[in-house]
Amino acid sequence: MDARSRPRLRGLVSAAALPAAAHDGDRHHQRPQVEISRVQADSPGRDDHSNSSLNNEWVEITNTTRNPINLRGWTLRDDDGNRYRFDNVRLGSRATIRIHTGNGRDTRTDLFQDRRDYVWGNRADTATLRDDRGRTVDTETWGRR
């Protein structure tokens, strides 16, 4: 390599390293630790208000971390102000829990809002998950209002 090619090579190496370093410091694009991972707003079949139909309307919440998280005091809301407040619920590492609209017995993987009417708009709505301090953790929007 002669002296004329060295400066050009150094310049290329420096330029190539800049985007990687700039990207490493960008924290605005990180996934939330707990997220709304799936929503089934439109219960399959006819909306007949049966408990089975209500329970086929649900939102899944996933803990993407390696540590369990207690959801006590967290809330899940829709655009109309319907709110579900989590009791003493421990969401394990990388675990998912499904929150159904209708009645049922709460388990490690399924929670029930015990409602007699649908919550989530079939065509459009927003699910908002907030922590126990009222801070928005994640939102999932579908359709147009």
Protein backbone atom coordinates (compact mmCIF):
# COMPACT_ATOMS: atom_id res chain seq x y z
CA MET A 1 0.00 0.00 0.00
CA ASP A 2 1.46 3.40 -0.91
CA ALA A 3 1.13 6.60 1.12
CA ARG A 4 -1.59 8.04 -1.16
CA SER A 5 -4.02 5.13 -0.49
CA ARG A 6 -3.72 5.13 3.32
CA PRO A 7 -5.61 8.38 4.06
CA ARG A 8 -8.45 7.33 1.81
CA LEU A 9 -8.67 3.93 3.52
CA ARG A 10 -8.73 5.55 6.98
CA GLY A 11 -11.51 7.87 5.88
CA LEU A 12 -13.62 4.95 4.73
CA VAL A 13 -13.16 3.03 7.96
CA SER A 14 -14.14 6.07 10.04
CA ALA A 15 -17.22 6.76 7.94
CA ALA A 16 -18.33 3.16 8.16
CA ALA A 17 -18.01 3.17 11.97
CA LEU A 18 -20.13 6.29 12.52
CA PRO A 19 -23.59 4.91 11.74
CA ALA A 20 -23.10 1.91 14.05
CA ALA A 21 -21.97 4.12 16.94
CA ALA A 22 -24.81 6.58 16.39
CA HIS A 23 -27.37 3.76 16.29
CA ASP A 24 -26.10 2.18 19.52
CA GLY A 25 -26.98 5.30 21.49
CA ASP A 26 -30.50 5.60 20.10
CA ARG A 27 -32.82 4.47 22.89
CA HIS A 28 -36.07 5.77 21.38
CA HIS A 29 -36.63 2.66 19.28
CA GLN A 30 -36.36 0.03 22.02
CA ARG A 31 -39.30 -2.32 22.48
CA PRO A 32 -41.23 -1.93 25.73
CA GLN A 33 -40.46 -4.44 28.47
CA VAL A 34 -44.14 -5.34 28.65
CA GLU A 35 -46.12 -5.04 25.45
CA ILE A 36 -49.50 -5.61 23.91
CA SER A 37 -48.51 -8.53 21.71
CA ARG A 38 -51.85 -9.50 20.10
CA VAL A 39 -55.45 -8.34 20.01
CA GLN A 40 -58.53 -10.22 18.88
CA ALA A 41 -61.10 -7.44 18.89
CA ASP A 42 -63.65 -9.16 16.65
CA SER A 43 -64.82 -12.36 18.27
CA PRO A 44 -65.13 -15.10 15.61
CA GLY A 45 -68.69 -15.87 14.57
CA ARG A 46 -71.79 -13.88 15.42
CA ASP A 47 -71.63 -11.26 18.20
CA ASP A 48 -74.43 -12.86 20.24
CA HIS A 49 -73.27 -11.59 23.67
CA SER A 50 -72.81 -15.15 24.93
CA ASN A 51 -70.00 -15.66 27.42
CA SER A 52 -68.20 -17.81 24.86
CA SER A 53 -68.34 -15.01 22.29
CA LEU A 54 -67.25 -12.40 24.84
CA ASN A 55 -64.28 -14.54 25.86
CA ASN A 56 -63.17 -14.84 22.24
CA GLU A 57 -62.51 -11.10 22.38
CA TRP A 58 -59.15 -10.64 24.09
CA VAL A 59 -55.84 -8.80 24.41
CA GLU A 60 -52.50 -10.50 25.03
CA ILE A 61 -49.81 -8.87 27.15
CA THR A 62 -46.22 -10.20 26.94
CA ASN A 63 -43.27 -9.68 29.26
CA THR A 64 -40.26 -9.52 26.92
CA THR A 65 -37.69 -9.47 29.75
CA ARG A 66 -35.84 -12.18 31.66
CA ASN A 67 -37.42 -11.09 34.97
CA PRO A 68 -40.97 -11.52 36.25
CA ILE A 69 -43.05 -8.34 36.55
CA ASN A 70 -45.95 -7.69 38.94
CA LEU A 71 -48.81 -5.97 37.11
CA ARG A 72 -50.63 -4.89 40.30
CA GLY A 73 -52.31 -1.54 39.65
CA TRP A 74 -51.63 -1.58 35.89
CA THR A 75 -54.57 -0.84 33.59
CA LEU A 76 -55.75 -1.81 30.13
CA ARG A 77 -58.14 0.69 28.48
CA ASP A 78 -60.02 1.17 25.24
CA ASP A 79 -60.88 4.43 23.44
CA ASP A 80 -64.30 4.62 25.14
CA GLY A 81 -62.79 4.63 28.64
CA ASN A 82 -63.53 1.00 29.57
CA ARG A 83 -60.81 0.02 32.00
CA TYR A 84 -59.50 -3.26 33.37
CA ARG A 85 -57.31 -2.96 36.45
CA PHE A 86 -54.83 -5.75 37.17
CA ASP A 87 -54.86 -7.23 40.65
CA ASN A 88 -51.81 -9.00 42.09
CA VAL A 89 -50.77 -10.60 38.78
CA ARG A 90 -47.21 -11.87 38.30
CA LEU A 91 -46.21 -12.08 34.66
CA GLY A 92 -43.26 -14.44 34.37
CA SER A 93 -40.14 -14.03 32.30
CA ARG A 94 -40.99 -14.00 28.57
CA ALA A 95 -44.55 -15.03 29.47
CA THR A 96 -47.82 -13.98 27.87
CA ILE A 97 -51.19 -13.52 29.54
CA ARG A 98 -54.53 -13.20 27.73
CA ILE A 99 -57.19 -10.82 29.08
CA HIS A 100 -60.67 -11.98 28.00
CA THR A 101 -63.73 -9.74 28.04
CA GLY A 102 -66.28 -12.18 29.52
CA ASN A 103 -66.55 -14.21 32.71
CA GLY A 104 -64.22 -16.97 33.81
CA ARG A 105 -61.75 -18.20 36.40
CA ASP A 106 -58.40 -16.38 36.38
CA THR A 107 -55.32 -18.54 35.81
CA ARG A 108 -51.60 -17.97 35.18
CA THR A 109 -52.28 -17.57 31.45
CA ASP A 110 -55.82 -16.16 31.29
CA LEU A 111 -57.57 -13.31 33.07
CA PHE A 112 -61.24 -12.36 32.76
CA GLN A 113 -62.78 -8.88 32.91
CA ASP A 114 -66.17 -10.36 33.91
CA ARG A 115 -68.10 -8.08 31.54
CA ARG A 116 -71.45 -8.74 29.89
CA ASP A 117 -70.79 -6.57 26.86
CA TYR A 118 -68.02 -6.27 24.28
CA VAL A 119 -65.18 -3.83 24.97
CA TRP A 120 -63.03 -3.69 21.85
CA GLY A 121 -64.30 -2.10 18.65
CA ASN A 122 -64.37 -4.64 15.81
CA ARG A 123 -63.42 -2.10 13.15
CA ALA A 124 -61.40 0.47 15.08
CA ASP A 125 -60.12 1.04 18.61
CA THR A 126 -56.97 1.51 20.67
CA ALA A 127 -55.79 -0.69 23.52
CA THR A 128 -53.63 1.24 25.99
CA LEU A 129 -51.56 -0.45 28.68
CA ARG A 130 -50.49 1.77 31.60
CA ASP A 131 -48.30 0.94 34.58
CA ASP A 132 -49.21 1.51 38.24
CA ARG A 133 -48.06 5.15 37.98
CA GLY A 134 -50.32 5.87 35.02
CA ARG A 135 -47.49 5.96 32.45
CA THR A 136 -48.32 4.55 29.04
CA VAL A 137 -46.31 1.37 28.50
CA ASP A 138 -47.71 0.35 25.10
CA THR A 139 -50.61 0.97 22.74
CA GLU A 140 -52.10 -1.01 19.89
CA THR A 141 -54.41 0.72 17.40
CA TRP A 142 -56.44 -0.79 14.59
CA GLY A 143 -58.77 0.75 11.99
CA ARG A 144 -59.72 4.43 11.88
CA ARG A 145 -61.92 6.34 14.28
